[in-house]
Amino acid sequence: MEAIREAQQALDRAKDQLRATVQEARAQGQTWAAIGDVLGMSRQAAFKRFGEVTNPVNDQKITGAHMSIDQIRGTTEQVFDLISAGEYDQLEQLIHPQVRSELPASLIAETWTRVLTEVGAKESYVDTHVVMPAGERIGEDDQIMGTVVGVTTLNCEAGEIMGRVAIDDQQRVVGLLIVPPDYSPVPF
């Protein structure tokens, strides 16, 4: 058990060192694109993972609410659990107030009815993960800020569908998409 504890501590130190090194590179004028290239990710993914923003009005750092991949995966599955159970009042509480008029319960229910007639009831989830809005998958242990997309495959009685939930930095749903698994291109 001690070896596991030491490995976890080493991993935590490495993450802290990477964050500090990225901030130092930014301080030296490196672009998010260059940093992203070195890390094997887009400039947006690098920014969302390591970025710091300063409010021009008061010169204070805007940190946003860092979310974990597990939180986003959980919210994604919760959204589809609520939809499949017909719990639209609870679902509405997860949706950003400005988006509720675009995603009313009636539209979600109508869409889910079409899903049921095509592939039957939801049975399980496969490969629930998190991506950037453009589709780049985010690493398992990354802390992220800003809007991201939870993606899952819903195994249903007679087939599969892909569910995508855009979630903002306050853990509110700002987009919802239910499409066939091979549907492309997706809008988010």
C-alpha atoms as a PDB file:
ATOM      1  CA  MET A   1       0.000   0.000   0.000  1.00  0.00           C
ATOM      2  CA  GLU A   2       2.896   2.348   0.667  1.00  0.00           C
ATOM      3  CA  ALA A   3       4.046   1.971  -2.954  1.00  0.00           C
ATOM      4  CA  ILE A   4       0.596   3.010  -4.149  1.00  0.00           C
ATOM      5  CA  ARG A   5       0.603   6.028  -1.832  1.00  0.00           C
ATOM      6  CA  GLU A   6       4.072   7.061  -3.075  1.00  0.00           C
ATOM      7  CA  ALA A   7       3.043   6.639  -6.712  1.00  0.00           C
ATOM      8  CA  GLN A   8      -0.019   8.840  -6.137  1.00  0.00           C
ATOM      9  CA  GLN A   9       2.113  11.488  -4.443  1.00  0.00           C
ATOM     10  CA  ALA A  10       4.583  11.392  -7.342  1.00  0.00           C
ATOM     11  CA  LEU A  11       1.708  11.804  -9.801  1.00  0.00           C
ATOM     12  CA  ASP A  12       0.335  14.772  -7.843  1.00  0.00           C
ATOM     13  CA  ARG A  13       3.789  16.401  -7.799  1.00  0.00           C
ATOM     14  CA  ALA A  14       4.159  15.825 -11.556  1.00  0.00           C
ATOM     15  CA  LYS A  15       0.771  17.481 -12.212  1.00  0.00           C
ATOM     16  CA  ASP A  16       1.760  20.457 -10.072  1.00  0.00           C
ATOM     17  CA  GLN A  17       5.102  20.688 -11.886  1.00  0.00           C
ATOM     18  CA  LEU A  18       3.397  20.519 -15.290  1.00  0.00           C
ATOM     19  CA  ARG A  19       0.945  23.282 -14.337  1.00  0.00           C
ATOM     20  CA  ALA A  20       3.818  25.485 -13.058  1.00  0.00           C
ATOM     21  CA  THR A  21       5.901  24.777 -16.162  1.00  0.00           C
ATOM     22  CA  VAL A  22       3.024  25.683 -18.457  1.00  0.00           C
ATOM     23  CA  GLN A  23       2.442  28.934 -16.545  1.00  0.00           C
ATOM     24  CA  GLU A  24       6.162  29.715 -16.811  1.00  0.00           C
ATOM     25  CA  ALA A  25       6.089  29.057 -20.565  1.00  0.00           C
ATOM     26  CA  ARG A  26       3.130  31.436 -20.892  1.00  0.00           C
ATOM     27  CA  ALA A  27       4.987  34.064 -18.846  1.00  0.00           C
ATOM     28  CA  GLN A  28       7.870  33.715 -21.313  1.00  0.00           C
ATOM     29  CA  GLY A  29       5.538  34.392 -24.242  1.00  0.00           C
ATOM     30  CA  GLN A  30       4.770  30.884 -25.498  1.00  0.00           C
ATOM     31  CA  THR A  31       1.408  30.568 -27.257  1.00  0.00           C
ATOM     32  CA  TRP A  32      -1.357  28.164 -26.275  1.00  0.00           C
ATOM     33  CA  ALA A  33      -0.944  26.592 -29.717  1.00  0.00           C
ATOM     34  CA  ALA A  34       2.744  25.828 -29.063  1.00  0.00           C
ATOM     35  CA  ILE A  35       1.994  24.482 -25.587  1.00  0.00           C
ATOM     36  CA  GLY A  36      -0.865  22.391 -26.971  1.00  0.00           C
ATOM     37  CA  ASP A  37       1.429  20.951 -29.665  1.00  0.00           C
ATOM     38  CA  VAL A  38       3.952  19.835 -27.052  1.00  0.00           C
ATOM     39  CA  LEU A  39       1.185  18.292 -24.923  1.00  0.00           C
ATOM     40  CA  GLY A  40      -0.538  16.625 -27.879  1.00  0.00           C
ATOM     41  CA  MET A  41      -3.738  18.665 -27.607  1.00  0.00           C
ATOM     42  CA  SER A  42      -5.374  21.672 -29.198  1.00  0.00           C
ATOM     43  CA  ARG A  43      -4.635  25.185 -28.004  1.00  0.00           C
ATOM     44  CA  GLN A  44      -8.191  25.370 -26.636  1.00  0.00           C
ATOM     45  CA  ALA A  45      -7.734  22.153 -24.652  1.00  0.00           C
ATOM     46  CA  ALA A  46      -4.425  23.432 -23.250  1.00  0.00           C
ATOM     47  CA  PHE A  47      -6.046  26.729 -22.277  1.00  0.00           C
ATOM     48  CA  LYS A  48      -9.045  25.054 -20.639  1.00  0.00           C
ATOM     49  CA  ARG A  49      -6.737  22.818 -18.647  1.00  0.00           C
ATOM     50  CA  PHE A  50      -4.062  25.327 -17.611  1.00  0.00           C
ATOM     51  CA  GLY A  51      -5.337  28.794 -18.486  1.00  0.00           C
ATOM     52  CA  GLU A  52      -5.773  31.771 -16.228  1.00  0.00           C
ATOM     53  CA  VAL A  53      -7.760  34.821 -17.263  1.00  0.00           C
ATOM     54  CA  THR A  54      -7.611  38.318 -15.808  1.00  0.00           C
ATOM     55  CA  ASN A  55     -10.698  40.501 -15.622  1.00  0.00           C
ATOM     56  CA  PRO A  56      -9.782  43.768 -17.401  1.00  0.00           C
ATOM     57  CA  VAL A  57     -12.132  45.780 -15.182  1.00  0.00           C
ATOM     58  CA  ASN A  58     -10.700  44.893 -11.773  1.00  0.00           C
ATOM     59  CA  ASP A  59      -7.458  43.092 -12.731  1.00  0.00           C
ATOM     60  CA  GLN A  60      -8.470  40.011 -10.703  1.00  0.00           C
ATOM     61  CA  LYS A  61      -7.979  36.469 -11.929  1.00  0.00           C
ATOM     62  CA  ILE A  62     -11.034  34.727 -13.285  1.00  0.00           C
ATOM     63  CA  THR A  63     -10.642  31.112 -12.358  1.00  0.00           C
ATOM     64  CA  GLY A  64     -14.034  29.652 -13.209  1.00  0.00           C
ATOM     65  CA  ALA A  65     -15.293  26.556 -11.511  1.00  0.00           C
ATOM     66  CA  HIS A  66     -12.932  23.695 -12.174  1.00  0.00           C
ATOM     67  CA  MET A  67     -14.812  20.502 -12.878  1.00  0.00           C
ATOM     68  CA  SER A  68     -13.585  16.974 -12.893  1.00  0.00           C
ATOM     69  CA  ILE A  69     -14.131  14.500 -15.692  1.00  0.00           C
ATOM     70  CA  ASP A  70     -16.070  12.309 -13.242  1.00  0.00           C
ATOM     71  CA  GLN A  71     -18.465  15.187 -12.469  1.00  0.00           C
ATOM     72  CA  ILE A  72     -19.162  15.759 -16.164  1.00  0.00           C
ATOM     73  CA  ARG A  73     -19.625  12.044 -16.859  1.00  0.00           C
ATOM     74  CA  GLY A  74     -22.002  11.818 -13.900  1.00  0.00           C
ATOM     75  CA  THR A  75     -24.037  14.804 -15.067  1.00  0.00           C
ATOM     76  CA  THR A  76     -24.190  13.399 -18.606  1.00  0.00           C
ATOM     77  CA  GLU A  77     -25.616  10.089 -17.422  1.00  0.00           C
ATOM     78  CA  GLN A  78     -27.927  11.857 -14.956  1.00  0.00           C
ATOM     79  CA  VAL A  79     -29.436  13.870 -17.821  1.00  0.00           C
ATOM     80  CA  PHE A  80     -30.282  10.705 -19.754  1.00  0.00           C
ATOM     81  CA  ASP A  81     -31.503   8.907 -16.616  1.00  0.00           C
ATOM     82  CA  LEU A  82     -33.936  11.788 -16.042  1.00  0.00           C
ATOM     83  CA  ILE A  83     -35.040  11.852 -19.682  1.00  0.00           C
ATOM     84  CA  SER A  84     -35.621   8.105 -19.815  1.00  0.00           C
ATOM     85  CA  ALA A  85     -37.590   8.232 -16.536  1.00  0.00           C
ATOM     86  CA  GLY A  86     -39.720  11.162 -17.729  1.00  0.00           C
ATOM     87  CA  GLU A  87     -38.469  13.347 -14.852  1.00  0.00           C
ATOM     88  CA  TYR A  88     -38.559  16.583 -16.831  1.00  0.00           C
ATOM     89  CA  ASP A  89     -39.056  18.851 -13.812  1.00  0.00           C
ATOM     90  CA  GLN A  90     -35.792  17.593 -12.306  1.00  0.00           C
ATOM     91  CA  LEU A  91     -34.080  17.807 -15.686  1.00  0.00           C
ATOM     92  CA  GLU A  92     -35.188  21.419 -16.065  1.00  0.00           C
ATOM     93  CA  GLN A  93     -33.270  22.300 -12.895  1.00  0.00           C
ATOM     94  CA  LEU A  94     -30.036  21.194 -14.609  1.00  0.00           C
ATOM     95  CA  ILE A  95     -30.625  23.314 -17.709  1.00  0.00           C
ATOM     96  CA  HIS A  96     -29.263  26.861 -17.851  1.00  0.00           C
ATOM     97  CA  PRO A  97     -32.177  29.318 -17.437  1.00  0.00           C
ATOM     98  CA  GLN A  98     -31.450  31.004 -20.776  1.00  0.00           C
ATOM     99  CA  VAL A  99     -31.484  27.645 -22.565  1.00  0.00           C
ATOM    100  CA  ARG A 100     -34.745  26.327 -21.064  1.00  0.00           C
ATOM    101  CA  SER A 101     -36.874  28.070 -23.690  1.00  0.00           C
ATOM    102  CA  GLU A 102     -34.871  26.349 -26.446  1.00  0.00           C
ATOM    103  CA  LEU A 103     -35.000  22.942 -24.696  1.00  0.00           C
ATOM    104  CA  PRO A 104     -38.515  22.735 -23.296  1.00  0.00           C
ATOM    105  CA  ALA A 105     -39.729  19.491 -21.742  1.00  0.00           C
ATOM    106  CA  SER A 106     -42.158  19.026 -24.623  1.00  0.00           C
ATOM    107  CA  LEU A 107     -39.329  19.001 -27.206  1.00  0.00           C
ATOM    108  CA  ILE A 108     -37.191  16.646 -25.128  1.00  0.00           C
ATOM    109  CA  ALA A 109     -40.161  14.307 -24.551  1.00  0.00           C
ATOM    110  CA  GLU A 110     -41.049  14.338 -28.258  1.00  0.00           C
ATOM    111  CA  THR A 111     -37.455  13.545 -29.202  1.00  0.00           C
ATOM    112  CA  TRP A 112     -37.246  10.761 -26.612  1.00  0.00           C
ATOM    113  CA  THR A 113     -40.490   9.255 -27.955  1.00  0.00           C
ATOM    114  CA  ARG A 114     -38.860   9.043 -31.392  1.00  0.00           C
ATOM    115  CA  VAL A 115     -35.822   7.358 -29.806  1.00  0.00           C
ATOM    116  CA  LEU A 116     -38.070   4.813 -28.104  1.00  0.00           C
ATOM    117  CA  THR A 117     -39.801   3.971 -31.386  1.00  0.00           C
ATOM    118  CA  GLU A 118     -36.447   3.462 -33.117  1.00  0.00           C
ATOM    119  CA  VAL A 119     -34.312   1.610 -30.566  1.00  0.00           C
ATOM    120  CA  GLY A 120     -36.450   0.941 -27.500  1.00  0.00           C
ATOM    121  CA  ALA A 121     -35.808   1.774 -23.857  1.00  0.00           C
ATOM    122  CA  LYS A 122     -32.398   2.722 -22.461  1.00  0.00           C
ATOM    123  CA  GLU A 123     -30.620  -0.181 -20.802  1.00  0.00           C
ATOM    124  CA  SER A 124     -27.053   0.980 -20.087  1.00  0.00           C
ATOM    125  CA  TYR A 125     -24.232   3.370 -20.938  1.00  0.00           C
ATOM    126  CA  VAL A 126     -20.993   2.645 -22.760  1.00  0.00           C
ATOM    127  CA  ASP A 127     -17.868   4.809 -22.920  1.00  0.00           C
ATOM    128  CA  THR A 128     -19.174   7.935 -21.219  1.00  0.00           C
ATOM    129  CA  HIS A 129     -16.386  10.484 -21.692  1.00  0.00           C
ATOM    130  CA  VAL A 130     -15.742  14.209 -22.028  1.00  0.00           C
ATOM    131  CA  VAL A 131     -14.672  16.154 -25.102  1.00  0.00           C
ATOM    132  CA  MET A 132     -14.015  19.726 -26.087  1.00  0.00           C
ATOM    133  CA  PRO A 133     -16.888  21.302 -28.078  1.00  0.00           C
ATOM    134  CA  ALA A 134     -14.931  20.565 -31.273  1.00  0.00           C
ATOM    135  CA  GLY A 135     -14.646  16.879 -30.338  1.00  0.00           C
ATOM    136  CA  GLU A 136     -11.168  16.460 -28.848  1.00  0.00           C
ATOM    137  CA  ARG A 137     -11.291  13.941 -25.997  1.00  0.00           C
ATOM    138  CA  ILE A 138     -10.178  15.234 -22.590  1.00  0.00           C
ATOM    139  CA  GLY A 139      -7.887  13.087 -20.412  1.00  0.00           C
ATOM    140  CA  GLU A 140      -9.272  11.132 -17.489  1.00  0.00           C
ATOM    141  CA  ASP A 141      -7.630  13.066 -14.660  1.00  0.00           C
ATOM    142  CA  ASP A 142      -7.715  16.556 -16.139  1.00  0.00           C
ATOM    143  CA  GLN A 143      -9.320  19.417 -14.259  1.00  0.00           C
ATOM    144  CA  ILE A 144     -11.123  21.595 -16.761  1.00  0.00           C
ATOM    145  CA  MET A 145     -12.948  24.908 -16.915  1.00  0.00           C
ATOM    146  CA  GLY A 146     -15.391  26.370 -19.371  1.00  0.00           C
ATOM    147  CA  THR A 147     -17.965  24.593 -21.493  1.00  0.00           C
ATOM    148  CA  VAL A 148     -17.284  20.952 -22.339  1.00  0.00           C
ATOM    149  CA  VAL A 149     -19.359  18.103 -23.754  1.00  0.00           C
ATOM    150  CA  GLY A 150     -20.235  14.848 -22.038  1.00  0.00           C
ATOM    151  CA  VAL A 151     -20.641  12.054 -24.581  1.00  0.00           C
ATOM    152  CA  THR A 152     -22.118   8.612 -24.046  1.00  0.00           C
ATOM    153  CA  THR A 153     -23.444   5.705 -26.030  1.00  0.00           C
ATOM    154  CA  LEU A 154     -26.820   4.611 -24.748  1.00  0.00           C
ATOM    155  CA  ASN A 155     -27.404   0.896 -25.220  1.00  0.00           C
ATOM    156  CA  CYS A 156     -31.093   0.423 -25.810  1.00  0.00           C
ATOM    157  CA  GLU A 157     -33.298  -2.629 -26.325  1.00  0.00           C
ATOM    158  CA  ALA A 158     -32.896  -2.700 -30.101  1.00  0.00           C
ATOM    159  CA  GLY A 159     -29.865  -0.541 -30.836  1.00  0.00           C
ATOM    160  CA  GLU A 160     -27.643   2.300 -29.753  1.00  0.00           C
ATOM    161  CA  ILE A 161     -27.826   6.070 -29.784  1.00  0.00           C
ATOM    162  CA  MET A 162     -25.264   8.736 -28.978  1.00  0.00           C
ATOM    163  CA  GLY A 163     -26.080  11.310 -26.331  1.00  0.00           C
ATOM    164  CA  ARG A 164     -24.167  14.582 -26.066  1.00  0.00           C
ATOM    165  CA  VAL A 165     -24.635  17.090 -23.259  1.00  0.00           C
ATOM    166  CA  ALA A 166     -22.916  20.495 -23.383  1.00  0.00           C
ATOM    167  CA  ILE A 167     -22.175  21.579 -19.810  1.00  0.00           C
ATOM    168  CA  ASP A 168     -20.942  25.016 -18.780  1.00  0.00           C
ATOM    169  CA  ASP A 169     -18.495  25.852 -15.983  1.00  0.00           C
ATOM    170  CA  GLN A 170     -21.358  26.120 -13.490  1.00  0.00           C
ATOM    171  CA  GLN A 171     -22.443  22.518 -14.241  1.00  0.00           C
ATOM    172  CA  ARG A 172     -25.541  23.666 -16.143  1.00  0.00           C
ATOM    173  CA  VAL A 173     -26.734  21.995 -19.329  1.00  0.00           C
ATOM    174  CA  VAL A 174     -26.403  24.399 -22.252  1.00  0.00           C
ATOM    175  CA  GLY A 175     -26.977  21.913 -25.066  1.00  0.00           C
ATOM    176  CA  LEU A 176     -28.442  18.469 -25.625  1.00  0.00           C
ATOM    177  CA  LEU A 177     -28.121  16.208 -28.646  1.00  0.00           C
ATOM    178  CA  ILE A 178     -29.445  12.698 -29.292  1.00  0.00           C
ATOM    179  CA  VAL A 179     -28.304  11.186 -32.599  1.00  0.00           C
ATOM    180  CA  PRO A 180     -27.314   7.863 -34.183  1.00  0.00           C
ATOM    181  CA  PRO A 181     -23.793   6.770 -33.117  1.00  0.00           C
ATOM    182  CA  ASP A 182     -22.295   7.406 -36.581  1.00  0.00           C
ATOM    183  CA  TYR A 183     -23.934  10.825 -37.038  1.00  0.00           C
ATOM    184  CA  SER A 184     -21.508  13.417 -38.347  1.00  0.00           C
ATOM    185  CA  PRO A 185     -20.724  16.242 -38.140  1.00  0.00           C
ATOM    186  CA  VAL A 186     -22.123  17.054 -34.734  1.00  0.00           C
ATOM    187  CA  PRO A 187     -22.757  20.718 -33.899  1.00  0.00           C
ATOM    188  CA  PHE A 188     -21.051  20.377 -30.492  1.00  0.00           C
END
